[in-house]
PDB file of N, CA and C in Angstrom:
ATOM      1  N   MET A   1      60.711  16.722   5.604  1.00  0.00           N
ATOM      2  CA  MET A   1      60.318  16.337   6.941  1.00  0.00           C
ATOM      3  C   MET A   1      61.319  16.930   7.936  1.00  0.00           C
ATOM      4  N   ASN A   2      60.802  17.386   9.055  1.00  0.00           N
ATOM      5  CA  ASN A   2      61.691  17.983  10.056  1.00  0.00           C
ATOM      6  C   ASN A   2      62.366  16.901  10.903  1.00  0.00           C
ATOM      7  N   GLU A   3      63.340  17.332  11.679  1.00  0.00           N
ATOM      8  CA  GLU A   3      64.123  16.392  12.500  1.00  0.00           C
ATOM      9  C   GLU A   3      63.256  15.659  13.524  1.00  0.00           C
ATOM     10  N   GLN A   4      62.299  16.373  14.097  1.00  0.00           N
ATOM     11  CA  GLN A   4      61.430  15.736  15.096  1.00  0.00           C
ATOM     12  C   GLN A   4      60.606  14.629  14.435  1.00  0.00           C
ATOM     13  N   GLY A   5      60.086  14.896  13.234  1.00  0.00           N
ATOM     14  CA  GLY A   5      59.321  13.876  12.507  1.00  0.00           C
ATOM     15  C   GLY A   5      60.163  12.654  12.212  1.00  0.00           C
ATOM     16  N   LYS A   6      61.415  12.871  11.800  1.00  0.00           N
ATOM     17  CA  LYS A   6      62.326  11.751  11.536  1.00  0.00           C
ATOM     18  C   LYS A   6      62.571  10.930  12.792  1.00  0.00           C
ATOM     19  N   GLN A   7      62.696  11.629  13.927  1.00  0.00           N
ATOM     20  CA  GLN A   7      62.940  10.945  15.203  1.00  0.00           C
ATOM     21  C   GLN A   7      61.791   9.995  15.534  1.00  0.00           C
ATOM     22  N   TYR A   8      60.546  10.465  15.375  1.00  0.00           N
ATOM     23  CA  TYR A   8      59.399   9.624  15.719  1.00  0.00           C
ATOM     24  C   TYR A   8      59.193   8.503  14.706  1.00  0.00           C
ATOM     25  N   GLU A   9      59.503   8.748  13.448  1.00  0.00           N
ATOM     26  CA  GLU A   9      59.440   7.663  12.464  1.00  0.00           C
ATOM     27  C   GLU A   9      60.477   6.591  12.788  1.00  0.00           C
ATOM     28  N   HIS A  10      61.650   7.022  13.253  1.00  0.00           N
ATOM     29  CA  HIS A  10      62.680   6.056  13.637  1.00  0.00           C
ATOM     30  C   HIS A  10      62.218   5.223  14.839  1.00  0.00           C
ATOM     31  N   LEU A  11      61.606   5.875  15.828  1.00  0.00           N
ATOM     32  CA  LEU A  11      61.068   5.143  16.981  1.00  0.00           C
ATOM     33  C   LEU A  11      59.997   4.155  16.537  1.00  0.00           C
ATOM     34  N   ALA A  12      59.148   4.579  15.607  1.00  0.00           N
ATOM     35  CA  ALA A  12      58.101   3.702  15.089  1.00  0.00           C
ATOM     36  C   ALA A  12      58.718   2.498  14.381  1.00  0.00           C
ATOM     37  N   LEU A  13      59.739   2.750  13.577  1.00  0.00           N
ATOM     38  CA  LEU A  13      60.411   1.671  12.861  1.00  0.00           C
ATOM     39  C   LEU A  13      60.986   0.654  13.844  1.00  0.00           C
ATOM     40  N   LEU A  14      61.681   1.127  14.863  1.00  0.00           N
ATOM     41  CA  LEU A  14      62.255   0.220  15.859  1.00  0.00           C
ATOM     42  C   LEU A  14      61.170  -0.585  16.564  1.00  0.00           C
ATOM     43  N   TYR A  15      60.083   0.082  16.923  1.00  0.00           N
ATOM     44  CA  TYR A  15      58.969  -0.603  17.599  1.00  0.00           C
ATOM     45  C   TYR A  15      58.400  -1.703  16.708  1.00  0.00           C
ATOM     46  N   LEU A  16      58.143  -1.382  15.445  1.00  0.00           N
ATOM     47  CA  LEU A  16      57.544  -2.363  14.542  1.00  0.00           C
ATOM     48  C   LEU A  16      58.502  -3.511  14.239  1.00  0.00           C
ATOM     49  N   GLN A  17      59.792  -3.215  14.150  1.00  0.00           N
ATOM     50  CA  GLN A  17      60.768  -4.289  13.942  1.00  0.00           C
ATOM     51  C   GLN A  17      60.775  -5.230  15.152  1.00  0.00           C
ATOM     52  N   GLN A  18      60.613  -4.681  16.343  1.00  0.00           N
ATOM     53  CA  GLN A  18      60.537  -5.522  17.544  1.00  0.00           C
ATOM     54  C   GLN A  18      59.299  -6.410  17.522  1.00  0.00           C
ATOM     55  N   GLN A  19      58.269  -5.991  16.785  1.00  0.00           N
ATOM     56  CA  GLN A  19      57.037  -6.775  16.662  1.00  0.00           C
ATOM     57  C   GLN A  19      57.118  -7.780  15.516  1.00  0.00           C
ATOM     58  N   GLY A  20      58.264  -7.832  14.827  1.00  0.00           N
ATOM     59  CA  GLY A  20      58.460  -8.826  13.782  1.00  0.00           C
ATOM     60  C   GLY A  20      58.293  -8.329  12.348  1.00  0.00           C
ATOM     61  N   LEU A  21      58.071  -7.041  12.142  1.00  0.00           N
ATOM     62  CA  LEU A  21      57.947  -6.507  10.793  1.00  0.00           C
ATOM     63  C   LEU A  21      59.332  -6.215  10.225  1.00  0.00           C
ATOM     64  N   GLN A  22      59.435  -6.280   8.893  1.00  0.00           N
ATOM     65  CA  GLN A  22      60.710  -6.010   8.223  1.00  0.00           C
ATOM     66  C   GLN A  22      60.537  -4.815   7.295  1.00  0.00           C
ATOM     67  N   LEU A  23      61.477  -3.892   7.366  1.00  0.00           N
ATOM     68  CA  LEU A  23      61.425  -2.676   6.560  1.00  0.00           C
ATOM     69  C   LEU A  23      61.677  -2.977   5.092  1.00  0.00           C
ATOM     70  N   VAL A  24      60.843  -2.405   4.222  1.00  0.00           N
ATOM     71  CA  VAL A  24      61.057  -2.438   2.782  1.00  0.00           C
ATOM     72  C   VAL A  24      61.576  -1.077   2.336  1.00  0.00           C
ATOM     73  N   THR A  25      60.863  -0.010   2.700  1.00  0.00           N
ATOM     74  CA  THR A  25      61.310   1.342   2.364  1.00  0.00           C
ATOM     75  C   THR A  25      60.665   2.352   3.302  1.00  0.00           C
ATOM     76  N   GLN A  26      61.275   3.527   3.363  1.00  0.00           N
ATOM     77  CA  GLN A  26      60.783   4.626   4.192  1.00  0.00           C
ATOM     78  C   GLN A  26      60.495   5.825   3.318  1.00  0.00           C
ATOM     79  N   ASN A  27      59.489   6.602   3.716  1.00  0.00           N
ATOM     80  CA  ASN A  27      59.166   7.875   3.091  1.00  0.00           C
ATOM     81  C   ASN A  27      58.997   7.779   1.575  1.00  0.00           C
ATOM     82  N   PHE A  28      58.165   6.843   1.141  1.00  0.00           N
ATOM     83  CA  PHE A  28      57.826   6.749  -0.272  1.00  0.00           C
ATOM     84  C   PHE A  28      56.916   7.924  -0.606  1.00  0.00           C
ATOM     85  N   SER A  29      57.272   8.637  -1.661  1.00  0.00           N
ATOM     86  CA  SER A  29      56.526   9.829  -2.028  1.00  0.00           C
ATOM     87  C   SER A  29      56.138   9.785  -3.495  1.00  0.00           C
ATOM     88  N   CYS A  30      54.924  10.224  -3.798  1.00  0.00           N
ATOM     89  CA  CYS A  30      54.456  10.339  -5.170  1.00  0.00           C
ATOM     90  C   CYS A  30      53.460  11.501  -5.217  1.00  0.00           C
ATOM     91  N   LYS A  31      52.914  11.767  -6.382  1.00  0.00           N
ATOM     92  CA  LYS A  31      51.953  12.873  -6.509  1.00  0.00           C
ATOM     93  C   LYS A  31      50.758  12.694  -5.582  1.00  0.00           C
ATOM     94  N   ALA A  32      50.362  11.464  -5.371  1.00  0.00           N
ATOM     95  CA  ALA A  32      49.176  11.175  -4.560  1.00  0.00           C
ATOM     96  C   ALA A  32      49.395  11.438  -3.072  1.00  0.00           C
ATOM     97  N   GLY A  33      50.634  11.314  -2.602  1.00  0.00           N
ATOM     98  CA  GLY A  33      50.909  11.495  -1.180  1.00  0.00           C
ATOM     99  C   GLY A  33      52.184  10.793  -0.761  1.00  0.00           C
ATOM    100  N   GLU A  34      52.310  10.559   0.539  1.00  0.00           N
ATOM    101  CA  GLU A  34      53.505   9.931   1.094  1.00  0.00           C
ATOM    102  C   GLU A  34      53.114   8.783   2.003  1.00  0.00           C
ATOM    103  N   ILE A  35      53.961   7.759   1.999  1.00  0.00           N
ATOM    104  CA  ILE A  35      53.801   6.628   2.907  1.00  0.00           C
ATOM    105  C   ILE A  35      55.025   6.623   3.818  1.00  0.00           C
ATOM    106  N   ASP A  36      54.811   6.712   5.119  1.00  0.00           N
ATOM    107  CA  ASP A  36      55.923   6.812   6.065  1.00  0.00           C
ATOM    108  C   ASP A  36      56.804   5.569   6.043  1.00  0.00           C
ATOM    109  N   LEU A  37      56.187   4.398   6.219  1.00  0.00           N
ATOM    110  CA  LEU A  37      56.942   3.143   6.261  1.00  0.00           C
ATOM    111  C   LEU A  37      56.217   2.093   5.422  1.00  0.00           C
ATOM    112  N   ILE A  38      56.985   1.356   4.646  1.00  0.00           N
ATOM    113  CA  ILE A  38      56.454   0.196   3.932  1.00  0.00           C
ATOM    114  C   ILE A  38      57.220  -1.000   4.460  1.00  0.00           C
ATOM    115  N   MET A  39      56.470  -1.981   4.978  1.00  0.00           N
ATOM    116  CA  MET A  39      57.089  -3.100   5.663  1.00  0.00           C
ATOM    117  C   MET A  39      56.435  -4.414   5.237  1.00  0.00           C
ATOM    118  N   ARG A  40      57.056  -5.506   5.639  1.00  0.00           N
ATOM    119  CA  ARG A  40      56.483  -6.837   5.444  1.00  0.00           C
ATOM    120  C   ARG A  40      56.208  -7.433   6.815  1.00  0.00           C
ATOM    121  N   HIS A  41      55.047  -8.069   6.944  1.00  0.00           N
ATOM    122  CA  HIS A  41      54.679  -8.740   8.181  1.00  0.00           C
ATOM    123  C   HIS A  41      54.030 -10.057   7.788  1.00  0.00           C
ATOM    124  N   GLN A  42      54.759 -11.139   7.989  1.00  0.00           N
ATOM    125  CA  GLN A  42      54.344 -12.462   7.535  1.00  0.00           C
ATOM    126  C   GLN A  42      54.105 -12.384   6.033  1.00  0.00           C
ATOM    127  N   HIS A  43      52.910 -12.647   5.544  1.00  0.00           N
ATOM    128  CA  HIS A  43      52.685 -12.597   4.099  1.00  0.00           C
ATOM    129  C   HIS A  43      52.068 -11.272   3.644  1.00  0.00           C
ATOM    130  N   TYR A  44      51.947 -10.306   4.548  1.00  0.00           N
ATOM    131  CA  TYR A  44      51.336  -9.011   4.227  1.00  0.00           C
ATOM    132  C   TYR A  44      52.362  -7.935   3.857  1.00  0.00           C
ATOM    133  N   TRP A  45      51.984  -7.110   2.924  1.00  0.00           N
ATOM    134  CA  TRP A  45      52.646  -5.823   2.708  1.00  0.00           C
ATOM    135  C   TRP A  45      51.931  -4.863   3.644  1.00  0.00           C
ATOM    136  N   VAL A  46      52.686  -4.119   4.446  1.00  0.00           N
ATOM    137  CA  VAL A  46      52.095  -3.238   5.440  1.00  0.00           C
ATOM    138  C   VAL A  46      52.544  -1.803   5.161  1.00  0.00           C
ATOM    139  N   PHE A  47      51.556  -0.927   4.974  1.00  0.00           N
ATOM    140  CA  PHE A  47      51.803   0.489   4.713  1.00  0.00           C
ATOM    141  C   PHE A  47      51.446   1.228   5.992  1.00  0.00           C
ATOM    142  N   VAL A  48      52.434   1.926   6.570  1.00  0.00           N
ATOM    143  CA  VAL A  48      52.268   2.472   7.921  1.00  0.00           C
ATOM    144  C   VAL A  48      52.297   3.999   7.903  1.00  0.00           C
ATOM    145  N   GLU A  49      51.289   4.572   8.527  1.00  0.00           N
ATOM    146  CA  GLU A  49      51.237   6.009   8.793  1.00  0.00           C
ATOM    147  C   GLU A  49      51.646   6.195  10.247  1.00  0.00           C
ATOM    148  N   VAL A  50      52.639   7.048  10.490  1.00  0.00           N
ATOM    149  CA  VAL A  50      53.137   7.304  11.844  1.00  0.00           C
ATOM    150  C   VAL A  50      52.666   8.684  12.282  1.00  0.00           C
ATOM    151  N   LYS A  51      52.089   8.764  13.474  1.00  0.00           N
ATOM    152  CA  LYS A  51      51.654  10.046  14.034  1.00  0.00           C
ATOM    153  C   LYS A  51      52.141  10.161  15.465  1.00  0.00           C
ATOM    154  N   TYR A  52      52.651  11.337  15.794  1.00  0.00           N
ATOM    155  CA  TYR A  52      53.074  11.622  17.168  1.00  0.00           C
ATOM    156  C   TYR A  52      52.273  12.794  17.711  1.00  0.00           C
ATOM    157  N   ARG A  53      51.873  12.684  18.946  1.00  0.00           N
ATOM    158  CA  ARG A  53      51.257  13.796  19.662  1.00  0.00           C
ATOM    159  C   ARG A  53      51.806  13.782  21.081  1.00  0.00           C
ATOM    160  N   ALA A  54      52.179  14.948  21.565  1.00  0.00           N
ATOM    161  CA  ALA A  54      52.714  15.059  22.925  1.00  0.00           C
ATOM    162  C   ALA A  54      51.611  14.852  23.958  1.00  0.00           C
ATOM    163  N   SER A  55      50.375  15.152  23.557  1.00  0.00           N
ATOM    164  CA  SER A  55      49.254  15.096  24.491  1.00  0.00           C
ATOM    165  C   SER A  55      48.058  14.428  23.827  1.00  0.00           C
ATOM    166  N   THR A  56      47.174  13.911  24.662  1.00  0.00           N
ATOM    167  CA  THR A  56      45.931  13.337  24.142  1.00  0.00           C
ATOM    168  C   THR A  56      44.779  14.335  24.264  1.00  0.00           C
ATOM    169  N   ALA A  57      45.099  15.579  24.557  1.00  0.00           N
ATOM    170  CA  ALA A  57      44.069  16.599  24.799  1.00  0.00           C
ATOM    171  C   ALA A  57      43.101  16.762  23.634  1.00  0.00           C
ATOM    172  N   TYR A  58      43.556  16.581  22.410  1.00  0.00           N
ATOM    173  CA  TYR A  58      42.676  16.774  21.250  1.00  0.00           C
ATOM    174  C   TYR A  58      42.441  15.462  20.508  1.00  0.00           C
ATOM    175  N   GLY A  59      42.406  14.366  21.248  1.00  0.00           N
ATOM    176  CA  GLY A  59      42.100  13.086  20.643  1.00  0.00           C
ATOM    177  C   GLY A  59      43.302  12.178  20.451  1.00  0.00           C
ATOM    178  N   GLY A  60      44.500  12.690  20.641  1.00  0.00           N
ATOM    179  CA  GLY A  60      45.690  11.860  20.539  1.00  0.00           C
ATOM    180  C   GLY A  60      46.167  11.632  19.123  1.00  0.00           C
ATOM    181  N   ALA A  61      47.176  10.787  19.011  1.00  0.00           N
ATOM    182  CA  ALA A  61      47.856  10.561  17.739  1.00  0.00           C
ATOM    183  C   ALA A  61      46.964   9.889  16.706  1.00  0.00           C
ATOM    184  N   LEU A  62      46.197   8.898  17.108  1.00  0.00           N
ATOM    185  CA  LEU A  62      45.364   8.180  16.141  1.00  0.00           C
ATOM    186  C   LEU A  62      44.280   9.078  15.556  1.00  0.00           C
ATOM    187  N   ALA A  63      43.759   9.991  16.364  1.00  0.00           N
ATOM    188  CA  ALA A  63      42.726  10.918  15.886  1.00  0.00           C
ATOM    189  C   ALA A  63      43.280  11.909  14.865  1.00  0.00           C
ATOM    190  N   ALA A  64      44.594  12.037  14.802  1.00  0.00           N
ATOM    191  CA  ALA A  64      45.213  12.974  13.863  1.00  0.00           C
ATOM    192  C   ALA A  64      45.188  12.468  12.420  1.00  0.00           C
ATOM    193  N   VAL A  65      44.799  11.204  12.232  1.00  0.00           N
ATOM    194  CA  VAL A  65      44.695  10.653  10.879  1.00  0.00           C
ATOM    195  C   VAL A  65      43.271  10.916  10.397  1.00  0.00           C
ATOM    196  N   THR A  66      43.097  12.080   9.801  1.00  0.00           N
ATOM    197  CA  THR A  66      41.787  12.542   9.358  1.00  0.00           C
ATOM    198  C   THR A  66      41.314  11.791   8.119  1.00  0.00           C
ATOM    199  N   ARG A  67      40.068  11.971   7.767  1.00  0.00           N
ATOM    200  CA  ARG A  67      39.496  11.370   6.555  1.00  0.00           C
ATOM    201  C   ARG A  67      40.315  11.797   5.332  1.00  0.00           C
ATOM    202  N   SER A  68      40.694  13.062   5.274  1.00  0.00           N
ATOM    203  CA  SER A  68      41.503  13.567   4.158  1.00  0.00           C
ATOM    204  C   SER A  68      42.851  12.860   4.092  1.00  0.00           C
ATOM    205  N   LYS A  69      43.506  12.697   5.238  1.00  0.00           N
ATOM    206  CA  LYS A  69      44.793  12.001   5.293  1.00  0.00           C
ATOM    207  C   LYS A  69      44.623  10.548   4.878  1.00  0.00           C
ATOM    208  N   GLN A  70      43.547   9.921   5.291  1.00  0.00           N
ATOM    209  CA  GLN A  70      43.283   8.537   4.913  1.00  0.00           C
ATOM    210  C   GLN A  70      43.167   8.409   3.394  1.00  0.00           C
ATOM    211  N   GLN A  71      42.447   9.340   2.770  1.00  0.00           N
ATOM    212  CA  GLN A  71      42.259   9.286   1.324  1.00  0.00           C
ATOM    213  C   GLN A  71      43.589   9.470   0.585  1.00  0.00           C
ATOM    214  N   LYS A  72      44.404  10.411   1.033  1.00  0.00           N
ATOM    215  CA  LYS A  72      45.724  10.627   0.417  1.00  0.00           C
ATOM    216  C   LYS A  72      46.601   9.389   0.554  1.00  0.00           C
ATOM    217  N   LEU A  73      46.586   8.811   1.743  1.00  0.00           N
ATOM    218  CA  LEU A  73      47.396   7.622   1.990  1.00  0.00           C
ATOM    219  C   LEU A  73      46.919   6.458   1.130  1.00  0.00           C
ATOM    220  N   LEU A  74      45.620   6.284   1.031  1.00  0.00           N
ATOM    221  CA  LEU A  74      45.064   5.210   0.216  1.00  0.00           C
ATOM    222  C   LEU A  74      45.477   5.366  -1.256  1.00  0.00           C
ATOM    223  N   ARG A  75      45.435   6.587  -1.770  1.00  0.00           N
ATOM    224  CA  ARG A  75      45.861   6.828  -3.160  1.00  0.00           C
ATOM    225  C   ARG A  75      47.352   6.526  -3.337  1.00  0.00           C
ATOM    226  N   ALA A  76      48.168   6.906  -2.366  1.00  0.00           N
ATOM    227  CA  ALA A  76      49.610   6.631  -2.449  1.00  0.00           C
ATOM    228  C   ALA A  76      49.873   5.129  -2.402  1.00  0.00           C
ATOM    229  N   VAL A  77      49.124   4.401  -1.567  1.00  0.00           N
ATOM    230  CA  VAL A  77      49.268   2.943  -1.476  1.00  0.00           C
ATOM    231  C   VAL A  77      48.888   2.303  -2.814  1.00  0.00           C
ATOM    232  N   GLN A  78      47.788   2.732  -3.391  1.00  0.00           N
ATOM    233  CA  GLN A  78      47.355   2.179  -4.676  1.00  0.00           C
ATOM    234  C   GLN A  78      48.400   2.442  -5.760  1.00  0.00           C
ATOM    235  N   PHE A  79      48.982   3.639  -5.752  1.00  0.00           N
ATOM    236  CA  PHE A  79      50.036   3.970  -6.709  1.00  0.00           C
ATOM    237  C   PHE A  79      51.230   3.036  -6.522  1.00  0.00           C
ATOM    238  N   TYR A  80      51.656   2.847  -5.273  1.00  0.00           N
ATOM    239  CA  TYR A  80      52.805   1.978  -4.974  1.00  0.00           C
ATOM    240  C   TYR A  80      52.513   0.549  -5.425  1.00  0.00           C
ATOM    241  N   GLN A  81      51.327   0.064  -5.121  1.00  0.00           N
ATOM    242  CA  GLN A  81      50.959  -1.301  -5.504  1.00  0.00           C
ATOM    243  C   GLN A  81      51.025  -1.475  -7.024  1.00  0.00           C
ATOM    244  N   GLN A  82      50.486  -0.531  -7.757  1.00  0.00           N
ATOM    245  CA  GLN A  82      50.492  -0.631  -9.219  1.00  0.00           C
ATOM    246  C   GLN A  82      51.907  -0.560  -9.768  1.00  0.00           C
ATOM    247  N   ARG A  83      52.700   0.361  -9.249  1.00  0.00           N
ATOM    248  CA  ARG A  83      54.071   0.543  -9.726  1.00  0.00           C
ATOM    249  C   ARG A  83      54.916  -0.706  -9.493  1.00  0.00           C
ATOM    250  N   HIS A  84      54.669  -1.411  -8.394  1.00  0.00           N
ATOM    251  CA  HIS A  84      55.496  -2.562  -8.015  1.00  0.00           C
ATOM    252  C   HIS A  84      54.814  -3.914  -8.245  1.00  0.00           C
ATOM    253  N   GLY A  85      53.692  -3.909  -8.964  1.00  0.00           N
ATOM    254  CA  GLY A  85      53.019  -5.162  -9.297  1.00  0.00           C
ATOM    255  C   GLY A  85      52.467  -5.914  -8.094  1.00  0.00           C
ATOM    256  N   LEU A  86      51.940  -5.174  -7.127  1.00  0.00           N
ATOM    257  CA  LEU A  86      51.464  -5.796  -5.883  1.00  0.00           C
ATOM    258  C   LEU A  86      49.949  -5.800  -5.761  1.00  0.00           C
ATOM    259  N   THR A  87      49.240  -5.543  -6.849  1.00  0.00           N
ATOM    260  CA  THR A  87      47.787  -5.401  -6.747  1.00  0.00           C
ATOM    261  C   THR A  87      47.095  -6.691  -6.306  1.00  0.00           C
ATOM    262  N   GLN A  88      47.732  -7.838  -6.497  1.00  0.00           N
ATOM    263  CA  GLN A  88      47.135  -9.113  -6.081  1.00  0.00           C
ATOM    264  C   GLN A  88      47.720  -9.636  -4.765  1.00  0.00           C
ATOM    265  N   GLN A  89      48.606  -8.869  -4.157  1.00  0.00           N
ATOM    266  CA  GLN A  89      49.250  -9.283  -2.907  1.00  0.00           C
ATOM    267  C   GLN A  89      48.422  -8.829  -1.707  1.00  0.00           C
ATOM    268  N   PRO A  90      48.394  -9.635  -0.632  1.00  0.00           N
ATOM    269  CA  PRO A  90      47.676  -9.191   0.566  1.00  0.00           C
ATOM    270  C   PRO A  90      48.399  -7.994   1.198  1.00  0.00           C
ATOM    271  N   CYS A  91      47.633  -6.986   1.513  1.00  0.00           N
ATOM    272  CA  CYS A  91      48.234  -5.799   2.145  1.00  0.00           C
ATOM    273  C   CYS A  91      47.260  -5.208   3.151  1.00  0.00           C
ATOM    274  N   ARG A  92      47.799  -4.350   3.981  1.00  0.00           N
ATOM    275  CA  ARG A  92      46.965  -3.629   4.932  1.00  0.00           C
ATOM    276  C   ARG A  92      47.608  -2.273   5.203  1.00  0.00           C
ATOM    277  N   ILE A  93      46.792  -1.369   5.709  1.00  0.00           N
ATOM    278  CA  ILE A  93      47.272  -0.045   6.108  1.00  0.00           C
ATOM    279  C   ILE A  93      47.153   0.031   7.621  1.00  0.00           C
ATOM    280  N   ASP A  94      48.280   0.271   8.275  1.00  0.00           N
ATOM    281  CA  ASP A  94      48.321   0.392   9.733  1.00  0.00           C
ATOM    282  C   ASP A  94      48.601   1.840  10.113  1.00  0.00           C
ATOM    283  N   VAL A  95      48.178   2.213  11.292  1.00  0.00           N
ATOM    284  CA  VAL A  95      48.539   3.507  11.873  1.00  0.00           C
ATOM    285  C   VAL A  95      49.244   3.224  13.186  1.00  0.00           C
ATOM    286  N   LEU A  96      50.405   3.852  13.360  1.00  0.00           N
ATOM    287  CA  LEU A  96      51.117   3.734  14.628  1.00  0.00           C
ATOM    288  C   LEU A  96      51.155   5.109  15.272  1.00  0.00           C
ATOM    289  N   GLY A  97      50.435   5.233  16.372  1.00  0.00           N
ATOM    290  CA  GLY A  97      50.423   6.478  17.123  1.00  0.00           C
ATOM    291  C   GLY A  97      51.417   6.404  18.261  1.00  0.00           C
ATOM    292  N   ILE A  98      52.182   7.484  18.413  1.00  0.00           N
ATOM    293  CA  ILE A  98      53.133   7.596  19.522  1.00  0.00           C
ATOM    294  C   ILE A  98      52.710   8.825  20.317  1.00  0.00           C
ATOM    295  N   GLU A  99      52.578   8.645  21.632  1.00  0.00           N
ATOM    296  CA  GLU A  99      52.091   9.748  22.464  1.00  0.00           C
ATOM    297  C   GLU A  99      52.959   9.945  23.693  1.00  0.00           C
ATOM    298  N   GLY A 100      52.927  11.201  24.180  1.00  0.00           N
ATOM    299  CA  GLY A 100      53.570  11.546  25.435  1.00  0.00           C
ATOM    300  C   GLY A 100      55.055  11.795  25.310  1.00  0.00           C
ATOM    301  N   GLN A 101      55.719  11.660  26.428  1.00  0.00           N
ATOM    302  CA  GLN A 101      57.168  11.819  26.522  1.00  0.00           C
ATOM    303  C   GLN A 101      57.754  10.463  26.900  1.00  0.00           C
ATOM    304  N   ALA A 102      59.061  10.309  26.685  1.00  0.00           N
ATOM    305  CA  ALA A 102      59.711   9.033  27.006  1.00  0.00           C
ATOM    306  C   ALA A 102      59.469   8.694  28.476  1.00  0.00           C
ATOM    307  N   PRO A 103      59.069   7.466  28.789  1.00  0.00           N
ATOM    308  CA  PRO A 103      58.792   6.366  27.866  1.00  0.00           C
ATOM    309  C   PRO A 103      57.465   6.597  27.132  1.00  0.00           C
ATOM    310  N   TYR A 104      57.494   6.486  25.846  1.00  0.00           N
ATOM    311  CA  TYR A 104      56.346   6.794  25.001  1.00  0.00           C
ATOM    312  C   TYR A 104      55.279   5.711  25.086  1.00  0.00           C
ATOM    313  N   GLN A 105      54.058   6.103  24.782  1.00  0.00           N
ATOM    314  CA  GLN A 105      52.940   5.172  24.646  1.00  0.00           C
ATOM    315  C   GLN A 105      52.781   4.886  23.155  1.00  0.00           C
ATOM    316  N   TYR A 106      52.745   3.615  22.782  1.00  0.00           N
ATOM    317  CA  TYR A 106      52.569   3.225  21.385  1.00  0.00           C
ATOM    318  C   TYR A 106      51.168   2.640  21.215  1.00  0.00           C
ATOM    319  N   HIS A 107      50.482   3.083  20.166  1.00  0.00           N
ATOM    320  CA  HIS A 107      49.161   2.573  19.829  1.00  0.00           C
ATOM    321  C   HIS A 107      49.205   2.121  18.380  1.00  0.00           C
ATOM    322  N   TRP A 108      49.227   0.805  18.186  1.00  0.00           N
ATOM    323  CA  TRP A 108      49.387   0.229  16.849  1.00  0.00           C
ATOM    324  C   TRP A 108      48.022  -0.287  16.393  1.00  0.00           C
ATOM    325  N   LEU A 109      47.443   0.382  15.435  1.00  0.00           N
ATOM    326  CA  LEU A 109      46.147   0.012  14.896  1.00  0.00           C
ATOM    327  C   LEU A 109      46.379  -0.683  13.550  1.00  0.00           C
ATOM    328  N   GLN A 110      46.231  -2.000  13.548  1.00  0.00           N
ATOM    329  CA  GLN A 110      46.444  -2.787  12.337  1.00  0.00           C
ATOM    330  C   GLN A 110      45.187  -2.769  11.478  1.00  0.00           C
ATOM    331  N   ASN A 111      45.411  -2.722  10.163  1.00  0.00           N
ATOM    332  CA  ASN A 111      44.298  -2.703   9.212  1.00  0.00           C
ATOM    333  C   ASN A 111      43.321  -1.585   9.575  1.00  0.00           C
ATOM    334  N   ALA A 112      43.875  -0.387   9.745  1.00  0.00           N
ATOM    335  CA  ALA A 112      43.126   0.763  10.247  1.00  0.00           C
ATOM    336  C   ALA A 112      41.983   1.178   9.321  1.00  0.00           C
ATOM    337  N   PHE A 113      42.179   1.086   8.030  1.00  0.00           N
ATOM    338  CA  PHE A 113      41.151   1.430   7.049  1.00  0.00           C
ATOM    339  C   PHE A 113      41.552   0.867   5.706  1.00  0.00           C
ATOM    340  N   SER A 114      40.606   0.860   4.769  1.00  0.00           N
ATOM    341  CA  SER A 114      40.922   0.340   3.438  1.00  0.00           C
ATOM    342  C   SER A 114      40.281   1.212   2.368  1.00  0.00           C
TER     343      SER A 114
END
């Protein structure tokens, strides 16, 4: 991951922590794909995809999570759940879009897809 990507993931982490989520791990990677942030929110395991776009000209940050990206993320989440014995635990997949220049616009889509 490049430095700019790390910067936006860090901003996302800070934003989500301010919303009450607690970090479990960052940048989990497996053959199936990568999960940017794995967090806990109340009784949920939350798997977060972070996207940044400087402009909304082509649909913005949330639109950047394509069907293909969703499928890869879902496979990575399933792998993580199986590896850590979480298949019976409540979980959700969130997308956090960050747009523009500072001060950034945050768009947090909870339970974005399953």
